[in-house]
Amino acid sequence: MNELTKGSKFTYIDSNNKTKECDILCDLETNDKNYIVYTDNSKCEDGSTKLYAASYIFNEDDRVLNNIETEEEWKMIEAILSYLTRKN
């Protein structure tokens, strides 16, 4: 995975062993964790683009995505996305 910055792309292998390319929409930093919001550009039933969020850590060679662990983390991410949406 290259730099995790807005507008960049990364690929991952999903649970069905398929490679997916994703666009990074937002990179968030808090005091103790880093997060990204991204999309694989797939669509929801209503036609809107599906968004995903993950925390990430750095290891020697790459960055490793992790699931969001708490309701508080989800609320923080949703609040930031809501603010950014209103701002644009």
PDB file of N, CA and C in Angstrom:
ATOM      1  N   MET A   1       0.852  -1.164   0.000  1.00  0.00           N
ATOM      2  CA  MET A   1       0.000   0.000   0.000  1.00  0.00           C
ATOM      3  C   MET A   1       0.896   1.224   0.000  1.00  0.00           C
ATOM      4  N   ASN A   2       0.619   2.176  -0.870  1.00  0.00           N
ATOM      5  CA  ASN A   2       1.387   3.405  -0.924  1.00  0.00           C
ATOM      6  C   ASN A   2       0.907   4.361   0.150  1.00  0.00           C
ATOM      7  N   GLU A   3       1.268   5.624   0.005  1.00  0.00           N
ATOM      8  CA  GLU A   3       0.826   6.631   0.958  1.00  0.00           C
ATOM      9  C   GLU A   3      -0.687   6.619   1.091  1.00  0.00           C
ATOM     10  N   LEU A   4      -1.161   6.719   2.306  1.00  0.00           N
ATOM     11  CA  LEU A   4      -2.597   6.761   2.558  1.00  0.00           C
ATOM     12  C   LEU A   4      -3.031   8.215   2.608  1.00  0.00           C
ATOM     13  N   THR A   5      -3.175   8.817   1.450  1.00  0.00           N
ATOM     14  CA  THR A   5      -3.591  10.208   1.383  1.00  0.00           C
ATOM     15  C   THR A   5      -4.809  10.337   0.491  1.00  0.00           C
ATOM     16  N   LYS A   6      -5.588  11.387   0.742  1.00  0.00           N
ATOM     17  CA  LYS A   6      -6.795  11.630  -0.042  1.00  0.00           C
ATOM     18  C   LYS A   6      -6.451  11.635  -1.524  1.00  0.00           C
ATOM     19  N   GLY A   7      -7.257  10.938  -2.294  1.00  0.00           N
ATOM     20  CA  GLY A   7      -7.061  10.881  -3.736  1.00  0.00           C
ATOM     21  C   GLY A   7      -6.158   9.751  -4.197  1.00  0.00           C
ATOM     22  N   SER A   8      -5.465   9.101  -3.287  1.00  0.00           N
ATOM     23  CA  SER A   8      -4.625   7.986  -3.706  1.00  0.00           C
ATOM     24  C   SER A   8      -5.442   6.693  -3.716  1.00  0.00           C
ATOM     25  N   LYS A   9      -4.855   5.654  -4.228  1.00  0.00           N
ATOM     26  CA  LYS A   9      -5.534   4.365  -4.363  1.00  0.00           C
ATOM     27  C   LYS A   9      -4.733   3.292  -3.640  1.00  0.00           C
ATOM     28  N   PHE A  10      -5.415   2.234  -3.264  1.00  0.00           N
ATOM     29  CA  PHE A  10      -4.743   1.052  -2.749  1.00  0.00           C
ATOM     30  C   PHE A  10      -5.540  -0.166  -3.175  1.00  0.00           C
ATOM     31  N   THR A  11      -4.904  -1.319  -3.135  1.00  0.00           N
ATOM     32  CA  THR A  11      -5.586  -2.567  -3.476  1.00  0.00           C
ATOM     33  C   THR A  11      -5.538  -3.500  -2.275  1.00  0.00           C
ATOM     34  N   TYR A  12      -6.537  -4.363  -2.210  1.00  0.00           N
ATOM     35  CA  TYR A  12      -6.563  -5.387  -1.179  1.00  0.00           C
ATOM     36  C   TYR A  12      -7.246  -6.619  -1.747  1.00  0.00           C
ATOM     37  N   ILE A  13      -7.065  -7.728  -1.076  1.00  0.00           N
ATOM     38  CA  ILE A  13      -7.710  -8.981  -1.468  1.00  0.00           C
ATOM     39  C   ILE A  13      -8.848  -9.222  -0.493  1.00  0.00           C
ATOM     40  N   ASP A  14     -10.074  -9.340  -1.034  1.00  0.00           N
ATOM     41  CA  ASP A  14     -11.250  -9.500  -0.173  1.00  0.00           C
ATOM     42  C   ASP A  14     -11.413 -10.952   0.281  1.00  0.00           C
ATOM     43  N   SER A  15     -12.471 -11.203   1.035  1.00  0.00           N
ATOM     44  CA  SER A  15     -12.703 -12.539   1.594  1.00  0.00           C
ATOM     45  C   SER A  15     -12.989 -13.590   0.522  1.00  0.00           C
ATOM     46  N   ASN A  16     -13.336 -13.152  -0.694  1.00  0.00           N
ATOM     47  CA  ASN A  16     -13.559 -14.078  -1.808  1.00  0.00           C
ATOM     48  C   ASN A  16     -12.312 -14.236  -2.667  1.00  0.00           C
ATOM     49  N   ASN A  17     -11.176 -13.747  -2.155  1.00  0.00           N
ATOM     50  CA  ASN A  17      -9.887 -13.824  -2.835  1.00  0.00           C
ATOM     51  C   ASN A  17      -9.841 -13.008  -4.124  1.00  0.00           C
ATOM     52  N   LYS A  18     -10.648 -11.955  -4.194  1.00  0.00           N
ATOM     53  CA  LYS A  18     -10.646 -11.058  -5.346  1.00  0.00           C
ATOM     54  C   LYS A  18      -9.895  -9.785  -4.988  1.00  0.00           C
ATOM     55  N   THR A  19      -9.092  -9.299  -5.930  1.00  0.00           N
ATOM     56  CA  THR A  19      -8.371  -8.051  -5.726  1.00  0.00           C
ATOM     57  C   THR A  19      -9.302  -6.886  -6.010  1.00  0.00           C
ATOM     58  N   LYS A  20      -9.345  -5.934  -5.090  1.00  0.00           N
ATOM     59  CA  LYS A  20     -10.190  -4.750  -5.248  1.00  0.00           C
ATOM     60  C   LYS A  20      -9.319  -3.511  -5.165  1.00  0.00           C
ATOM     61  N   GLU A  21      -9.611  -2.549  -6.036  1.00  0.00           N
ATOM     62  CA  GLU A  21      -8.926  -1.263  -5.981  1.00  0.00           C
ATOM     63  C   GLU A  21      -9.843  -0.261  -5.299  1.00  0.00           C
ATOM     64  N   CYS A  22      -9.299   0.494  -4.378  1.00  0.00           N
ATOM     65  CA  CYS A  22     -10.094   1.448  -3.602  1.00  0.00           C
ATOM     66  C   CYS A  22      -9.502   2.847  -3.711  1.00  0.00           C
ATOM     67  N   ASP A  23     -10.381   3.835  -3.628  1.00  0.00           N
ATOM     68  CA  ASP A  23      -9.985   5.236  -3.586  1.00  0.00           C
ATOM     69  C   ASP A  23     -10.063   5.724  -2.150  1.00  0.00           C
ATOM     70  N   ILE A  24      -9.025   6.400  -1.693  1.00  0.00           N
ATOM     71  CA  ILE A  24      -9.034   6.976  -0.355  1.00  0.00           C
ATOM     72  C   ILE A  24      -9.721   8.331  -0.421  1.00  0.00           C
ATOM     73  N   LEU A  25     -10.751   8.496   0.396  1.00  0.00           N
ATOM     74  CA  LEU A  25     -11.521   9.732   0.421  1.00  0.00           C
ATOM     75  C   LEU A  25     -11.068  10.668   1.526  1.00  0.00           C
ATOM     76  N   CYS A  26     -10.587  10.106   2.620  1.00  0.00           N
ATOM     77  CA  CYS A  26     -10.241  10.924   3.778  1.00  0.00           C
ATOM     78  C   CYS A  26      -9.255  10.160   4.651  1.00  0.00           C
ATOM     79  N   ASP A  27      -8.247  10.848   5.129  1.00  0.00           N
ATOM     80  CA  ASP A  27      -7.270  10.280   6.048  1.00  0.00           C
ATOM     81  C   ASP A  27      -7.384  11.058   7.353  1.00  0.00           C
ATOM     82  N   LEU A  28      -7.704  10.379   8.448  1.00  0.00           N
ATOM     83  CA  LEU A  28      -7.945  11.034   9.730  1.00  0.00           C
ATOM     84  C   LEU A  28      -6.900  10.605  10.744  1.00  0.00           C
ATOM     85  N   GLU A  29      -6.407  11.562  11.517  1.00  0.00           N
ATOM     86  CA  GLU A  29      -5.477  11.249  12.592  1.00  0.00           C
ATOM     87  C   GLU A  29      -6.058  11.708  13.914  1.00  0.00           C
ATOM     88  N   THR A  30      -5.962  10.856  14.916  1.00  0.00           N
ATOM     89  CA  THR A  30      -6.307  11.245  16.280  1.00  0.00           C
ATOM     90  C   THR A  30      -5.031  11.126  17.102  1.00  0.00           C
ATOM     91  N   ASN A  31      -5.137  11.356  18.373  1.00  0.00           N
ATOM     92  CA  ASN A  31      -3.949  11.281  19.225  1.00  0.00           C
ATOM     93  C   ASN A  31      -3.325   9.897  19.251  1.00  0.00           C
ATOM     94  N   ASP A  32      -4.157   8.859  19.140  1.00  0.00           N
ATOM     95  CA  ASP A  32      -3.615   7.516  19.291  1.00  0.00           C
ATOM     96  C   ASP A  32      -3.865   6.573  18.120  1.00  0.00           C
ATOM     97  N   LYS A  33      -4.632   6.998  17.102  1.00  0.00           N
ATOM     98  CA  LYS A  33      -4.926   6.115  15.968  1.00  0.00           C
ATOM     99  C   LYS A  33      -5.019   6.910  14.673  1.00  0.00           C
ATOM    100  N   ASN A  34      -4.797   6.185  13.580  1.00  0.00           N
ATOM    101  CA  ASN A  34      -5.000   6.724  12.238  1.00  0.00           C
ATOM    102  C   ASN A  34      -6.158   5.982  11.600  1.00  0.00           C
ATOM    103  N   TYR A  35      -6.950   6.699  10.805  1.00  0.00           N
ATOM    104  CA  TYR A  35      -8.111   6.118  10.133  1.00  0.00           C
ATOM    105  C   TYR A  35      -8.125   6.556   8.679  1.00  0.00           C
ATOM    106  N   ILE A  36      -8.738   5.727   7.836  1.00  0.00           N
ATOM    107  CA  ILE A  36      -9.051   6.145   6.477  1.00  0.00           C
ATOM    108  C   ILE A  36     -10.517   5.846   6.196  1.00  0.00           C
ATOM    109  N   VAL A  37     -11.075   6.665   5.326  1.00  0.00           N
ATOM    110  CA  VAL A  37     -12.396   6.411   4.759  1.00  0.00           C
ATOM    111  C   VAL A  37     -12.135   6.189   3.279  1.00  0.00           C
ATOM    112  N   TYR A  38     -12.685   5.116   2.746  1.00  0.00           N
ATOM    113  CA  TYR A  38     -12.394   4.747   1.366  1.00  0.00           C
ATOM    114  C   TYR A  38     -13.611   4.127   0.708  1.00  0.00           C
ATOM    115  N   THR A  39     -13.513   3.962  -0.613  1.00  0.00           N
ATOM    116  CA  THR A  39     -14.578   3.318  -1.375  1.00  0.00           C
ATOM    117  C   THR A  39     -13.966   2.418  -2.438  1.00  0.00           C
ATOM    118  N   ASP A  40     -14.680   1.344  -2.744  1.00  0.00           N
ATOM    119  CA  ASP A  40     -14.306   0.506  -3.885  1.00  0.00           C
ATOM    120  C   ASP A  40     -15.182   0.854  -5.087  1.00  0.00           C
ATOM    121  N   ASN A  41     -15.935   1.945  -4.946  1.00  0.00           N
ATOM    122  CA  ASN A  41     -16.826   2.486  -5.973  1.00  0.00           C
ATOM    123  C   ASN A  41     -17.989   1.572  -6.316  1.00  0.00           C
ATOM    124  N   SER A  42     -18.275   0.612  -5.447  1.00  0.00           N
ATOM    125  CA  SER A  42     -19.486  -0.184  -5.639  1.00  0.00           C
ATOM    126  C   SER A  42     -20.676   0.649  -5.163  1.00  0.00           C
ATOM    127  N   LYS A  43     -21.859   0.241  -5.553  1.00  0.00           N
ATOM    128  CA  LYS A  43     -23.063   1.026  -5.268  1.00  0.00           C
ATOM    129  C   LYS A  43     -23.987   0.307  -4.295  1.00  0.00           C
ATOM    130  N   CYS A  44     -24.685   1.098  -3.497  1.00  0.00           N
ATOM    131  CA  CYS A  44     -25.755   0.601  -2.628  1.00  0.00           C
ATOM    132  C   CYS A  44     -27.011   0.424  -3.482  1.00  0.00           C
ATOM    133  N   GLU A  45     -28.021  -0.189  -2.924  1.00  0.00           N
ATOM    134  CA  GLU A  45     -29.278  -0.382  -3.650  1.00  0.00           C
ATOM    135  C   GLU A  45     -29.902   0.932  -4.095  1.00  0.00           C
ATOM    136  N   ASP A  46     -29.692   1.999  -3.320  1.00  0.00           N
ATOM    137  CA  ASP A  46     -30.270   3.300  -3.676  1.00  0.00           C
ATOM    138  C   ASP A  46     -29.414   4.075  -4.680  1.00  0.00           C
ATOM    139  N   GLY A  47     -28.302   3.476  -5.123  1.00  0.00           N
ATOM    140  CA  GLY A  47     -27.453   4.107  -6.120  1.00  0.00           C
ATOM    141  C   GLY A  47     -26.310   4.925  -5.548  1.00  0.00           C
ATOM    142  N   SER A  48     -26.281   5.109  -4.245  1.00  0.00           N
ATOM    143  CA  SER A  48     -25.179   5.859  -3.639  1.00  0.00           C
ATOM    144  C   SER A  48     -23.930   4.978  -3.560  1.00  0.00           C
ATOM    145  N   THR A  49     -22.791   5.620  -3.482  1.00  0.00           N
ATOM    146  CA  THR A  49     -21.524   4.902  -3.422  1.00  0.00           C
ATOM    147  C   THR A  49     -21.278   4.384  -2.014  1.00  0.00           C
ATOM    148  N   LYS A  50     -20.855   3.134  -1.914  1.00  0.00           N
ATOM    149  CA  LYS A  50     -20.555   2.540  -0.609  1.00  0.00           C
ATOM    150  C   LYS A  50     -19.254   3.125  -0.068  1.00  0.00           C
ATOM    151  N   LEU A  51     -19.274   3.485   1.214  1.00  0.00           N
ATOM    152  CA  LEU A  51     -18.091   3.984   1.906  1.00  0.00           C
ATOM    153  C   LEU A  51     -17.697   2.997   2.990  1.00  0.00           C
ATOM    154  N   TYR A  52     -16.408   2.917   3.239  1.00  0.00           N
ATOM    155  CA  TYR A  52     -15.869   2.047   4.277  1.00  0.00           C
ATOM    156  C   TYR A  52     -14.896   2.863   5.118  1.00  0.00           C
ATOM    157  N   ALA A  53     -14.682   2.434   6.342  1.00  0.00           N
ATOM    158  CA  ALA A  53     -13.704   3.083   7.214  1.00  0.00           C
ATOM    159  C   ALA A  53     -12.895   2.006   7.917  1.00  0.00           C
ATOM    160  N   ALA A  54     -11.648   2.331   8.195  1.00  0.00           N
ATOM    161  CA  ALA A  54     -10.776   1.405   8.912  1.00  0.00           C
ATOM    162  C   ALA A  54      -9.722   2.199   9.664  1.00  0.00           C
ATOM    163  N   SER A  55      -9.240   1.623  10.734  1.00  0.00           N
ATOM    164  CA  SER A  55      -8.048   2.184  11.365  1.00  0.00           C
ATOM    165  C   SER A  55      -6.860   1.519  10.677  1.00  0.00           C
ATOM    166  N   TYR A  56      -5.700   2.119  10.812  1.00  0.00           N
ATOM    167  CA  TYR A  56      -4.522   1.467  10.246  1.00  0.00           C
ATOM    168  C   TYR A  56      -3.319   1.699  11.142  1.00  0.00           C
ATOM    169  N   ILE A  57      -2.394   0.750  11.042  1.00  0.00           N
ATOM    170  CA  ILE A  57      -1.128   0.841  11.754  1.00  0.00           C
ATOM    171  C   ILE A  57      -0.010   0.654  10.742  1.00  0.00           C
ATOM    172  N   PHE A  58       1.152   1.138  11.093  1.00  0.00           N
ATOM    173  CA  PHE A  58       2.330   0.968  10.256  1.00  0.00           C
ATOM    174  C   PHE A  58       3.104  -0.244  10.749  1.00  0.00           C
ATOM    175  N   ASN A  59       3.560  -1.068   9.809  1.00  0.00           N
ATOM    176  CA  ASN A  59       4.518  -2.100  10.175  1.00  0.00           C
ATOM    177  C   ASN A  59       5.774  -1.852   9.355  1.00  0.00           C
ATOM    178  N   GLU A  60       6.690  -2.776   9.324  1.00  0.00           N
ATOM    179  CA  GLU A  60       7.975  -2.541   8.666  1.00  0.00           C
ATOM    180  C   GLU A  60       7.847  -2.199   7.190  1.00  0.00           C
ATOM    181  N   ASP A  61       7.003  -2.911   6.466  1.00  0.00           N
ATOM    182  CA  ASP A  61       6.950  -2.778   5.016  1.00  0.00           C
ATOM    183  C   ASP A  61       5.696  -2.116   4.482  1.00  0.00           C
ATOM    184  N   ASP A  62       4.685  -1.969   5.295  1.00  0.00           N
ATOM    185  CA  ASP A  62       3.383  -1.592   4.763  1.00  0.00           C
ATOM    186  C   ASP A  62       2.522  -0.978   5.850  1.00  0.00           C
ATOM    187  N   ARG A  63       1.298  -0.707   5.489  1.00  0.00           N
ATOM    188  CA  ARG A  63       0.288  -0.289   6.446  1.00  0.00           C
ATOM    189  C   ARG A  63      -0.759  -1.388   6.506  1.00  0.00           C
ATOM    190  N   VAL A  64      -1.238  -1.670   7.696  1.00  0.00           N
ATOM    191  CA  VAL A  64      -2.188  -2.755   7.897  1.00  0.00           C
ATOM    192  C   VAL A  64      -3.513  -2.160   8.346  1.00  0.00           C
ATOM    193  N   LEU A  65      -4.583  -2.476   7.592  1.00  0.00           N
ATOM    194  CA  LEU A  65      -5.915  -1.991   7.949  1.00  0.00           C
ATOM    195  C   LEU A  65      -6.527  -2.881   9.016  1.00  0.00           C
ATOM    196  N   ASN A  66      -7.245  -2.240   9.937  1.00  0.00           N
ATOM    197  CA  ASN A  66      -7.938  -2.955  11.009  1.00  0.00           C
ATOM    198  C   ASN A  66      -9.381  -2.488  11.077  1.00  0.00           C
ATOM    199  N   ASN A  67     -10.235  -3.332  11.605  1.00  0.00           N
ATOM    200  CA  ASN A  67     -11.637  -2.963  11.792  1.00  0.00           C
ATOM    201  C   ASN A  67     -11.766  -1.859  12.830  1.00  0.00           C
ATOM    202  N   ILE A  68     -12.813  -1.043  12.669  1.00  0.00           N
ATOM    203  CA  ILE A  68     -13.162  -0.070  13.698  1.00  0.00           C
ATOM    204  C   ILE A  68     -13.665  -0.875  14.893  1.00  0.00           C
ATOM    205  N   GLU A  69     -13.154  -0.581  16.085  1.00  0.00           N
ATOM    206  CA  GLU A  69     -13.407  -1.444  17.237  1.00  0.00           C
ATOM    207  C   GLU A  69     -14.539  -0.995  18.145  1.00  0.00           C
ATOM    208  N   THR A  70     -14.815   0.290  18.204  1.00  0.00           N
ATOM    209  CA  THR A  70     -15.793   0.751  19.197  1.00  0.00           C
ATOM    210  C   THR A  70     -16.847   1.655  18.570  1.00  0.00           C
ATOM    211  N   GLU A  71     -17.959   1.757  19.257  1.00  0.00           N
ATOM    212  CA  GLU A  71     -19.028   2.665  18.841  1.00  0.00           C
ATOM    213  C   GLU A  71     -18.545   4.114  18.883  1.00  0.00           C
ATOM    214  N   GLU A  72     -17.681   4.442  19.834  1.00  0.00           N
ATOM    215  CA  GLU A  72     -17.143   5.798  19.940  1.00  0.00           C
ATOM    216  C   GLU A  72     -16.322   6.160  18.708  1.00  0.00           C
ATOM    217  N   GLU A  73     -15.539   5.194  18.197  1.00  0.00           N
ATOM    218  CA  GLU A  73     -14.765   5.440  16.981  1.00  0.00           C
ATOM    219  C   GLU A  73     -15.697   5.719  15.802  1.00  0.00           C
ATOM    220  N   TRP A  74     -16.760   4.902  15.662  1.00  0.00           N
ATOM    221  CA  TRP A  74     -17.713   5.108  14.571  1.00  0.00           C
ATOM    222  C   TRP A  74     -18.355   6.483  14.671  1.00  0.00           C
ATOM    223  N   LYS A  75     -18.742   6.874  15.876  1.00  0.00           N
ATOM    224  CA  LYS A  75     -19.380   8.181  16.065  1.00  0.00           C
ATOM    225  C   LYS A  75     -18.436   9.311  15.687  1.00  0.00           C
ATOM    226  N   MET A  76     -17.158   9.195  16.050  1.00  0.00           N
ATOM    227  CA  MET A  76     -16.177  10.211  15.698  1.00  0.00           C
ATOM    228  C   MET A  76     -16.028  10.313  14.179  1.00  0.00           C
ATOM    229  N   ILE A  77     -15.897   9.177  13.514  1.00  0.00           N
ATOM    230  CA  ILE A  77     -15.739   9.168  12.057  1.00  0.00           C
ATOM    231  C   ILE A  77     -16.983   9.741  11.387  1.00  0.00           C
ATOM    232  N   GLU A  78     -18.157   9.336  11.834  1.00  0.00           N
ATOM    233  CA  GLU A  78     -19.405   9.859  11.263  1.00  0.00           C
ATOM    234  C   GLU A  78     -19.520  11.367  11.465  1.00  0.00           C
ATOM    235  N   ALA A  79     -19.119  11.870  12.628  1.00  0.00           N
ATOM    236  CA  ALA A  79     -19.178  13.310  12.891  1.00  0.00           C
ATOM    237  C   ALA A  79     -18.234  14.076  11.970  1.00  0.00           C
ATOM    238  N   ILE A  80     -17.042  13.560  11.771  1.00  0.00           N
ATOM    239  CA  ILE A  80     -16.080  14.221  10.881  1.00  0.00           C
ATOM    240  C   ILE A  80     -16.586  14.200   9.448  1.00  0.00           C
ATOM    241  N   LEU A  81     -17.119  13.063   8.994  1.00  0.00           N
ATOM    242  CA  LEU A  81     -17.653  12.987   7.630  1.00  0.00           C
ATOM    243  C   LEU A  81     -18.842  13.919   7.452  1.00  0.00           C
ATOM    244  N   SER A  82     -19.684  14.015   8.442  1.00  0.00           N
ATOM    245  CA  SER A  82     -20.825  14.926   8.381  1.00  0.00           C
ATOM    246  C   SER A  82     -20.345  16.367   8.257  1.00  0.00           C
ATOM    247  N   TYR A  83     -19.348  16.735   9.041  1.00  0.00           N
ATOM    248  CA  TYR A  83     -18.781  18.081   8.978  1.00  0.00           C
ATOM    249  C   TYR A  83     -18.185  18.352   7.596  1.00  0.00           C
ATOM    250  N   LEU A  84     -17.400  17.402   7.084  1.00  0.00           N
ATOM    251  CA  LEU A  84     -16.774  17.586   5.774  1.00  0.00           C
ATOM    252  C   LEU A  84     -17.809  17.678   4.661  1.00  0.00           C
ATOM    253  N   THR A  85     -18.884  16.917   4.768  1.00  0.00           N
ATOM    254  CA  THR A  85     -19.949  16.953   3.767  1.00  0.00           C
ATOM    255  C   THR A  85     -20.636  18.314   3.767  1.00  0.00           C
ATOM    256  N   ARG A  86     -20.924  18.846   4.947  1.00  0.00           N
ATOM    257  CA  ARG A  86     -21.548  20.171   5.045  1.00  0.00           C
ATOM    258  C   ARG A  86     -20.622  21.259   4.529  1.00  0.00           C
ATOM    259  N   LYS A  87     -19.330  21.099   4.774  1.00  0.00           N
ATOM    260  CA  LYS A  87     -18.336  22.091   4.376  1.00  0.00           C
ATOM    261  C   LYS A  87     -18.217  22.176   2.857  1.00  0.00           C
ATOM    262  N   ASN A  88     -18.389  21.045   2.186  1.00  0.00           N
ATOM    263  CA  ASN A  88     -18.267  21.014   0.723  1.00  0.00           C
ATOM    264  C   ASN A  88     -19.608  21.296   0.144  1.00  0.00           C
TER     265      ASN A  88
END
